[in-house]
């Protein structure tokens, strides 16, 4: 995937993660994109460890892995902020 694809996917994944887990989180658009991109990396890494797959592009499996990674990052952020 190219850099523009990562940015668009990061935005979509970040928005989905913040929609699924609403609450007080930092940032605006840039932080949401970075959350989505980092979530894709984390979700792809965990998916490859479990043998489920990796984030390879715009498909349902990659989107689910990325959203799962972003949710995990949001959960960890909220736990450390308490």
N, C-alpha and C. Protein backbone atom coordinates (compact mmCIF):
# COMPACT_ATOMS: atom_id res chain seq x y z
N UNK A 1 0.85 -1.18 0.00
CA UNK A 1 0.00 0.00 0.00
C UNK A 1 0.89 1.24 0.00
N UNK A 2 0.44 2.26 -0.68
CA UNK A 2 1.16 3.51 -0.72
C UNK A 2 0.84 4.37 0.50
N UNK A 3 1.55 5.47 0.61
CA UNK A 3 1.38 6.34 1.76
C UNK A 3 -0.03 6.93 1.83
N UNK A 4 -0.59 7.28 0.68
CA UNK A 4 -1.95 7.82 0.68
C UNK A 4 -2.96 6.77 1.12
N UNK A 5 -2.74 5.52 0.73
CA UNK A 5 -3.62 4.43 1.16
C UNK A 5 -3.54 4.23 2.66
N UNK A 6 -2.34 4.33 3.23
CA UNK A 6 -2.19 4.18 4.67
C UNK A 6 -2.91 5.30 5.41
N UNK A 7 -2.84 6.52 4.86
CA UNK A 7 -3.50 7.65 5.50
C UNK A 7 -5.02 7.48 5.46
N UNK A 8 -5.54 7.09 4.31
CA UNK A 8 -6.99 6.91 4.19
C UNK A 8 -7.46 5.77 5.07
N UNK A 9 -6.72 4.66 5.04
CA UNK A 9 -7.11 3.52 5.88
C UNK A 9 -6.98 3.89 7.36
N UNK A 10 -5.94 4.64 7.71
CA UNK A 10 -5.77 5.09 9.09
C UNK A 10 -6.93 5.94 9.56
N UNK A 11 -7.41 6.82 8.68
CA UNK A 11 -8.56 7.65 9.03
C UNK A 11 -9.81 6.80 9.25
N UNK A 12 -10.06 5.88 8.34
CA UNK A 12 -11.25 5.01 8.45
C UNK A 12 -11.17 4.16 9.71
N UNK A 13 -10.02 3.54 9.94
CA UNK A 13 -9.85 2.66 11.10
C UNK A 13 -9.93 3.47 12.40
N UNK A 14 -9.29 4.62 12.44
CA UNK A 14 -9.33 5.47 13.63
C UNK A 14 -10.73 5.92 13.96
N UNK A 15 -11.48 6.32 12.94
CA UNK A 15 -12.87 6.73 13.17
C UNK A 15 -13.72 5.57 13.66
N UNK A 16 -13.54 4.39 13.05
CA UNK A 16 -14.30 3.21 13.50
C UNK A 16 -13.96 2.85 14.94
N UNK A 17 -12.69 2.90 15.30
CA UNK A 17 -12.29 2.56 16.66
C UNK A 17 -12.86 3.55 17.67
N UNK A 18 -12.82 4.83 17.33
CA UNK A 18 -13.38 5.83 18.25
C UNK A 18 -14.90 5.75 18.31
N UNK A 19 -15.54 5.28 17.23
CA UNK A 19 -16.99 5.10 17.22
C UNK A 19 -17.38 3.90 18.08
N UNK A 20 -16.61 2.81 17.98
CA UNK A 20 -16.91 1.60 18.75
C UNK A 20 -16.64 1.82 20.24
N UNK A 21 -15.59 2.58 20.56
CA UNK A 21 -15.20 2.81 21.94
C UNK A 21 -15.21 4.31 22.22
N UNK A 22 -16.40 4.91 22.38
CA UNK A 22 -16.46 6.36 22.60
C UNK A 22 -15.92 6.73 23.98
N UNK A 23 -15.47 7.94 24.08
CA UNK A 23 -14.97 8.42 25.36
C UNK A 23 -14.06 9.60 25.14
N UNK A 24 -13.41 10.02 26.18
CA UNK A 24 -12.50 11.16 26.10
C UNK A 24 -11.14 10.68 25.65
N UNK A 25 -10.82 10.96 24.43
CA UNK A 25 -9.53 10.59 23.85
C UNK A 25 -8.86 11.83 23.30
N UNK A 26 -7.55 11.77 23.15
CA UNK A 26 -6.84 12.95 22.68
C UNK A 26 -7.02 13.17 21.19
N UNK A 27 -6.82 14.39 20.80
CA UNK A 27 -6.59 14.71 19.41
C UNK A 27 -7.78 14.87 18.51
N UNK A 28 -7.43 15.34 17.36
CA UNK A 28 -8.41 15.54 16.31
C UNK A 28 -8.13 14.59 15.16
N UNK A 29 -8.12 15.14 13.99
CA UNK A 29 -8.00 14.35 12.77
C UNK A 29 -6.64 13.67 12.65
N UNK A 30 -5.57 14.38 12.94
CA UNK A 30 -4.22 13.82 12.80
C UNK A 30 -4.01 12.67 13.78
N UNK A 31 -4.43 12.84 15.02
CA UNK A 31 -4.28 11.78 16.02
C UNK A 31 -5.14 10.58 15.65
N UNK A 32 -6.31 10.81 15.10
CA UNK A 32 -7.19 9.72 14.67
C UNK A 32 -6.53 8.92 13.55
N UNK A 33 -5.92 9.61 12.59
CA UNK A 33 -5.21 8.93 11.50
C UNK A 33 -4.04 8.13 12.05
N UNK A 34 -3.26 8.74 12.94
CA UNK A 34 -2.12 8.02 13.53
C UNK A 34 -2.56 6.83 14.35
N UNK A 35 -3.68 6.96 15.05
CA UNK A 35 -4.23 5.83 15.80
C UNK A 35 -4.58 4.69 14.85
N UNK A 36 -5.21 5.02 13.74
CA UNK A 36 -5.58 4.00 12.77
C UNK A 36 -4.38 3.32 12.13
N UNK A 37 -3.36 4.10 11.79
CA UNK A 37 -2.15 3.52 11.19
C UNK A 37 -1.43 2.63 12.21
N UNK A 38 -1.28 3.12 13.43
CA UNK A 38 -0.64 2.31 14.47
C UNK A 38 -1.47 1.07 14.77
N UNK A 39 -2.79 1.20 14.76
CA UNK A 39 -3.67 0.06 14.97
C UNK A 39 -3.51 -0.99 13.88
N UNK A 40 -3.29 -0.54 12.64
CA UNK A 40 -3.07 -1.48 11.55
C UNK A 40 -1.77 -2.25 11.75
N UNK A 41 -0.73 -1.57 12.21
CA UNK A 41 0.53 -2.26 12.48
C UNK A 41 0.38 -3.26 13.63
N UNK A 42 -0.25 -2.83 14.71
CA UNK A 42 -0.45 -3.71 15.87
C UNK A 42 -1.35 -4.89 15.51
N UNK A 43 -2.46 -4.61 14.84
CA UNK A 43 -3.38 -5.67 14.43
C UNK A 43 -2.73 -6.65 13.46
N UNK A 44 -1.94 -6.14 12.52
CA UNK A 44 -1.24 -7.02 11.58
C UNK A 44 -0.20 -7.88 12.27
N UNK A 45 0.50 -7.30 13.24
CA UNK A 45 1.51 -8.06 13.98
C UNK A 45 0.87 -9.17 14.80
N UNK A 46 -0.18 -8.83 15.53
CA UNK A 46 -0.87 -9.84 16.35
C UNK A 46 -1.53 -10.88 15.45
N UNK A 47 -2.11 -10.46 14.34
CA UNK A 47 -2.72 -11.40 13.40
C UNK A 47 -1.72 -12.36 12.81
N UNK A 48 -0.51 -11.87 12.52
CA UNK A 48 0.51 -12.77 11.98
C UNK A 48 1.03 -13.73 13.05
N UNK A 49 1.09 -13.28 14.30
CA UNK A 49 1.50 -14.18 15.37
C UNK A 49 0.49 -15.30 15.60
N UNK A 50 -0.79 -14.95 15.47
CA UNK A 50 -1.85 -15.94 15.69
C UNK A 50 -2.15 -16.76 14.44
N UNK A 51 -1.54 -16.41 13.32
CA UNK A 51 -1.77 -17.13 12.08
C UNK A 51 -3.06 -16.77 11.38
N UNK A 52 -3.65 -15.64 11.75
CA UNK A 52 -4.91 -15.21 11.16
C UNK A 52 -4.67 -14.51 9.83
N UNK A 53 -3.62 -13.73 9.74
CA UNK A 53 -3.30 -12.98 8.54
C UNK A 53 -2.65 -11.67 8.90
N UNK A 54 -2.44 -10.84 7.88
CA UNK A 54 -1.84 -9.53 8.10
C UNK A 54 -2.67 -8.47 7.39
N UNK A 55 -2.31 -7.23 7.62
CA UNK A 55 -2.97 -6.12 6.93
C UNK A 55 -2.30 -5.97 5.57
N UNK A 56 -3.04 -6.30 4.51
CA UNK A 56 -2.45 -6.30 3.18
C UNK A 56 -3.05 -5.26 2.25
N UNK A 57 -4.13 -4.65 2.61
CA UNK A 57 -4.76 -3.65 1.74
C UNK A 57 -6.17 -3.38 2.21
N UNK A 58 -6.97 -2.87 1.31
CA UNK A 58 -8.37 -2.56 1.63
C UNK A 58 -9.22 -3.80 1.41
N UNK A 59 -9.31 -4.64 2.39
CA UNK A 59 -10.24 -5.76 2.38
C UNK A 59 -10.79 -5.94 3.78
N UNK A 60 -11.80 -6.77 3.91
CA UNK A 60 -12.50 -6.89 5.19
C UNK A 60 -11.59 -7.44 6.29
N UNK A 61 -10.79 -8.46 5.96
CA UNK A 61 -9.91 -9.04 6.98
C UNK A 61 -8.90 -8.02 7.48
N UNK A 62 -8.31 -7.25 6.58
CA UNK A 62 -7.35 -6.24 6.98
C UNK A 62 -8.01 -5.15 7.81
N UNK A 63 -9.20 -4.76 7.41
CA UNK A 63 -9.93 -3.73 8.16
C UNK A 63 -10.25 -4.20 9.57
N UNK A 64 -10.68 -5.44 9.72
CA UNK A 64 -11.00 -5.98 11.05
C UNK A 64 -9.75 -6.09 11.92
N UNK A 65 -8.64 -6.53 11.34
CA UNK A 65 -7.40 -6.60 12.10
C UNK A 65 -6.94 -5.22 12.54
N UNK A 66 -7.03 -4.25 11.65
CA UNK A 66 -6.60 -2.90 11.97
C UNK A 66 -7.49 -2.27 13.04
N UNK A 67 -8.79 -2.45 12.94
CA UNK A 67 -9.71 -1.91 13.96
C UNK A 67 -9.45 -2.58 15.30
N UNK A 68 -9.20 -3.87 15.29
CA UNK A 68 -8.88 -4.58 16.53
C UNK A 68 -7.61 -4.03 17.17
N UNK A 69 -6.59 -3.76 16.36
CA UNK A 69 -5.35 -3.18 16.88
C UNK A 69 -5.57 -1.78 17.42
N UNK A 70 -6.38 -0.98 16.73
CA UNK A 70 -6.67 0.37 17.19
C UNK A 70 -7.47 0.35 18.49
N UNK A 71 -8.40 -0.58 18.61
CA UNK A 71 -9.15 -0.71 19.86
C UNK A 71 -8.24 -1.09 21.01
N UNK A 72 -7.30 -1.98 20.73
CA UNK A 72 -6.34 -2.38 21.76
C UNK A 72 -5.49 -1.18 22.20
N UNK A 73 -5.06 -0.36 21.23
CA UNK A 73 -4.29 0.83 21.58
C UNK A 73 -5.11 1.83 22.38
N UNK A 74 -6.37 2.01 22.01
CA UNK A 74 -7.24 2.90 22.78
C UNK A 74 -7.43 2.40 24.20
N UNK A 75 -7.63 1.09 24.35
CA UNK A 75 -7.79 0.50 25.68
C UNK A 75 -6.52 0.70 26.52
N UNK A 76 -5.37 0.46 25.92
CA UNK A 76 -4.12 0.66 26.65
C UNK A 76 -3.91 2.13 27.02
N UNK A 77 -4.27 3.04 26.13
CA UNK A 77 -4.15 4.46 26.43
C UNK A 77 -5.03 4.84 27.62
N UNK A 78 -6.26 4.35 27.61
CA UNK A 78 -7.18 4.69 28.71
C UNK A 78 -6.75 4.09 30.03
N UNK A 79 -6.15 2.91 30.00
CA UNK A 79 -5.68 2.28 31.22
C UNK A 79 -4.48 3.04 31.81
N UNK A 80 -3.61 3.57 30.94
CA UNK A 80 -2.45 4.30 31.44
C UNK A 80 -2.81 5.71 31.89
N UNK A 81 -3.89 6.27 31.40
CA UNK A 81 -4.31 7.61 31.79
C UNK A 81 -5.02 7.63 33.14
N UNK A 82 -5.43 6.51 33.67
CA UNK A 82 -6.14 6.47 34.96
C UNK A 82 -5.23 6.66 36.10
